[in-house]
Amino acid sequence: MGRAGRTHPSRRRGPPVAPPVLLSRGPATRHLVYVPSPKAPGGAHQYARFAAHFHGRREVAVPSVPGFGRDEPLPLSFDAVVDVASRRGGASGGR
């Protein structure tokens, strides 16, 4: 990530850019947020089958991988990936 970050606009931390992908909704007060692999082809699809178990019972959200959106800077480190993912949180605002 560091090498790619030197050749592409990058950031160490930043505000959320895209909302998470909501894979399941439910009344449970504790929500699950799965962080996809920052390597291609990571994404919400990695957790779709797993999230099916929680349909109607629990919210399951997957934040998008930072650096893959249009004009979105690449993260400079794994810590930056975690920071952006935690800021994006779940669809209910990271409850």
C-alpha atoms as a PDB file:
ATOM      1  CA  MET A   1       0.000   0.000   0.000  1.00  0.00           C
ATOM      2  CA  GLY A   2       2.803   2.387   0.823  1.00  0.00           C
ATOM      3  CA  ARG A   3       4.401   2.115  -2.614  1.00  0.00           C
ATOM      4  CA  ALA A   4       1.061   2.576  -4.379  1.00  0.00           C
ATOM      5  CA  GLY A   5       0.281   5.516  -2.121  1.00  0.00           C
ATOM      6  CA  ARG A   6       3.375   7.330  -3.338  1.00  0.00           C
ATOM      7  CA  THR A   7       2.181   7.182  -6.962  1.00  0.00           C
ATOM      8  CA  HIS A   8      -1.504   7.956  -6.370  1.00  0.00           C
ATOM      9  CA  PRO A   9      -3.231  10.596  -4.220  1.00  0.00           C
ATOM     10  CA  SER A  10      -3.250   9.198  -0.697  1.00  0.00           C
ATOM     11  CA  ARG A  11      -4.151   9.956   2.909  1.00  0.00           C
ATOM     12  CA  ARG A  12      -3.400   8.686   6.368  1.00  0.00           C
ATOM     13  CA  ARG A  13      -6.891   9.330   7.741  1.00  0.00           C
ATOM     14  CA  GLY A  14     -10.053  10.739   6.327  1.00  0.00           C
ATOM     15  CA  PRO A  15     -13.787  11.157   6.474  1.00  0.00           C
ATOM     16  CA  PRO A  16     -16.149   8.525   5.116  1.00  0.00           C
ATOM     17  CA  VAL A  17     -16.590   8.592   1.355  1.00  0.00           C
ATOM     18  CA  ALA A  18     -19.085   5.849   0.553  1.00  0.00           C
ATOM     19  CA  PRO A  19     -21.782   4.290   2.734  1.00  0.00           C
ATOM     20  CA  PRO A  20     -21.391   0.637   3.741  1.00  0.00           C
ATOM     21  CA  VAL A  21     -23.127  -2.169   1.888  1.00  0.00           C
ATOM     22  CA  LEU A  22     -25.972  -3.455   4.041  1.00  0.00           C
ATOM     23  CA  LEU A  23     -26.229  -7.248   3.721  1.00  0.00           C
ATOM     24  CA  SER A  24     -28.833  -7.871   6.422  1.00  0.00           C
ATOM     25  CA  ARG A  25     -31.266  -6.022   8.692  1.00  0.00           C
ATOM     26  CA  GLY A  26     -32.717  -7.140  11.972  1.00  0.00           C
ATOM     27  CA  PRO A  27     -33.860  -6.021  15.421  1.00  0.00           C
ATOM     28  CA  ALA A  28     -30.770  -7.140  17.371  1.00  0.00           C
ATOM     29  CA  THR A  29     -29.062  -4.211  19.078  1.00  0.00           C
ATOM     30  CA  ARG A  30     -25.548  -5.420  18.302  1.00  0.00           C
ATOM     31  CA  HIS A  31     -24.620  -5.092  14.664  1.00  0.00           C
ATOM     32  CA  LEU A  32     -21.896  -6.852  12.732  1.00  0.00           C
ATOM     33  CA  VAL A  33     -19.453  -4.935  10.544  1.00  0.00           C
ATOM     34  CA  TYR A  34     -17.140  -7.006   8.373  1.00  0.00           C
ATOM     35  CA  VAL A  35     -14.044  -5.408   6.885  1.00  0.00           C
ATOM     36  CA  PRO A  36     -13.243  -6.782   3.421  1.00  0.00           C
ATOM     37  CA  SER A  37      -9.755  -7.562   2.245  1.00  0.00           C
ATOM     38  CA  PRO A  38      -8.026  -4.445   0.902  1.00  0.00           C
ATOM     39  CA  LYS A  39      -6.712  -6.561  -1.985  1.00  0.00           C
ATOM     40  CA  ALA A  40      -8.679  -6.931  -5.200  1.00  0.00           C
ATOM     41  CA  PRO A  41     -11.221  -8.490  -5.581  1.00  0.00           C
ATOM     42  CA  GLY A  42     -12.198  -7.816  -1.940  1.00  0.00           C
ATOM     43  CA  GLY A  43     -15.642  -6.493  -1.131  1.00  0.00           C
ATOM     44  CA  ALA A  44     -19.021  -7.147   0.402  1.00  0.00           C
ATOM     45  CA  HIS A  45     -19.500 -10.232  -1.778  1.00  0.00           C
ATOM     46  CA  GLN A  46     -16.984 -12.014   0.469  1.00  0.00           C
ATOM     47  CA  TYR A  47     -19.580 -12.032   3.264  1.00  0.00           C
ATOM     48  CA  ALA A  48     -22.881 -12.380   1.376  1.00  0.00           C
ATOM     49  CA  ARG A  49     -23.406 -16.082   2.113  1.00  0.00           C
ATOM     50  CA  PHE A  50     -22.345 -15.699   5.734  1.00  0.00           C
ATOM     51  CA  ALA A  51     -24.672 -12.701   6.236  1.00  0.00           C
ATOM     52  CA  ALA A  52     -27.652 -14.669   4.891  1.00  0.00           C
ATOM     53  CA  HIS A  53     -27.737 -16.493   8.249  1.00  0.00           C
ATOM     54  CA  PHE A  54     -28.567 -13.180   9.989  1.00  0.00           C
ATOM     55  CA  HIS A  55     -31.413 -11.986   7.690  1.00  0.00           C
ATOM     56  CA  GLY A  56     -34.257 -10.643   9.801  1.00  0.00           C
ATOM     57  CA  ARG A  57     -32.254 -10.984  13.019  1.00  0.00           C
ATOM     58  CA  ARG A  58     -29.190  -8.734  12.916  1.00  0.00           C
ATOM     59  CA  GLU A  59     -27.735  -5.916  10.852  1.00  0.00           C
ATOM     60  CA  VAL A  60     -24.668  -6.898   8.864  1.00  0.00           C
ATOM     61  CA  ALA A  61     -22.775  -4.163   7.018  1.00  0.00           C
ATOM     62  CA  VAL A  62     -19.559  -4.095   4.998  1.00  0.00           C
ATOM     63  CA  PRO A  63     -17.750  -0.779   4.439  1.00  0.00           C
ATOM     64  CA  SER A  64     -16.268  -0.270   1.013  1.00  0.00           C
ATOM     65  CA  VAL A  65     -12.514  -0.679   0.640  1.00  0.00           C
ATOM     66  CA  PRO A  66     -10.879   2.768   0.701  1.00  0.00           C
ATOM     67  CA  GLY A  67      -8.983   3.800  -2.408  1.00  0.00           C
ATOM     68  CA  PHE A  68     -11.157   2.019  -4.977  1.00  0.00           C
ATOM     69  CA  GLY A  69     -13.844   4.687  -5.397  1.00  0.00           C
ATOM     70  CA  ARG A  70     -13.702   7.317  -8.107  1.00  0.00           C
ATOM     71  CA  ASP A  71     -11.187  10.035  -7.122  1.00  0.00           C
ATOM     72  CA  GLU A  72     -10.779   8.411  -3.700  1.00  0.00           C
ATOM     73  CA  PRO A  73      -7.239   8.564  -2.276  1.00  0.00           C
ATOM     74  CA  LEU A  74      -5.420   5.341  -1.460  1.00  0.00           C
ATOM     75  CA  PRO A  75      -4.732   4.555   2.198  1.00  0.00           C
ATOM     76  CA  LEU A  76      -1.057   4.882   3.168  1.00  0.00           C
ATOM     77  CA  SER A  77      -1.135   1.988   5.643  1.00  0.00           C
ATOM     78  CA  PHE A  78      -3.262  -0.788   7.095  1.00  0.00           C
ATOM     79  CA  ASP A  79      -4.034   1.540  10.026  1.00  0.00           C
ATOM     80  CA  ALA A  80      -5.497   4.023   7.532  1.00  0.00           C
ATOM     81  CA  VAL A  81      -7.712   1.256   6.081  1.00  0.00           C
ATOM     82  CA  VAL A  82      -9.011   0.412   9.569  1.00  0.00           C
ATOM     83  CA  ASP A  83      -9.525   4.104  10.365  1.00  0.00           C
ATOM     84  CA  VAL A  84     -11.634   4.699   7.248  1.00  0.00           C
ATOM     85  CA  ALA A  85     -13.584   1.445   7.737  1.00  0.00           C
ATOM     86  CA  SER A  86     -14.377   2.325  11.350  1.00  0.00           C
ATOM     87  CA  ARG A  87     -15.501   5.825  10.368  1.00  0.00           C
ATOM     88  CA  ARG A  88     -17.816   4.349   7.734  1.00  0.00           C
ATOM     89  CA  GLY A  89     -19.240   1.998  10.360  1.00  0.00           C
ATOM     90  CA  GLY A  90     -22.534   0.208   9.923  1.00  0.00           C
ATOM     91  CA  ALA A  91     -25.622   1.456   8.161  1.00  0.00           C
ATOM     92  CA  SER A  92     -27.033   2.533  11.544  1.00  0.00           C
ATOM     93  CA  GLY A  93     -24.188   4.937  12.141  1.00  0.00           C
ATOM     94  CA  GLY A  94     -21.763   2.488  13.714  1.00  0.00           C
ATOM     95  CA  ARG A  95     -23.912   1.592  16.728  1.00  0.00           C
END
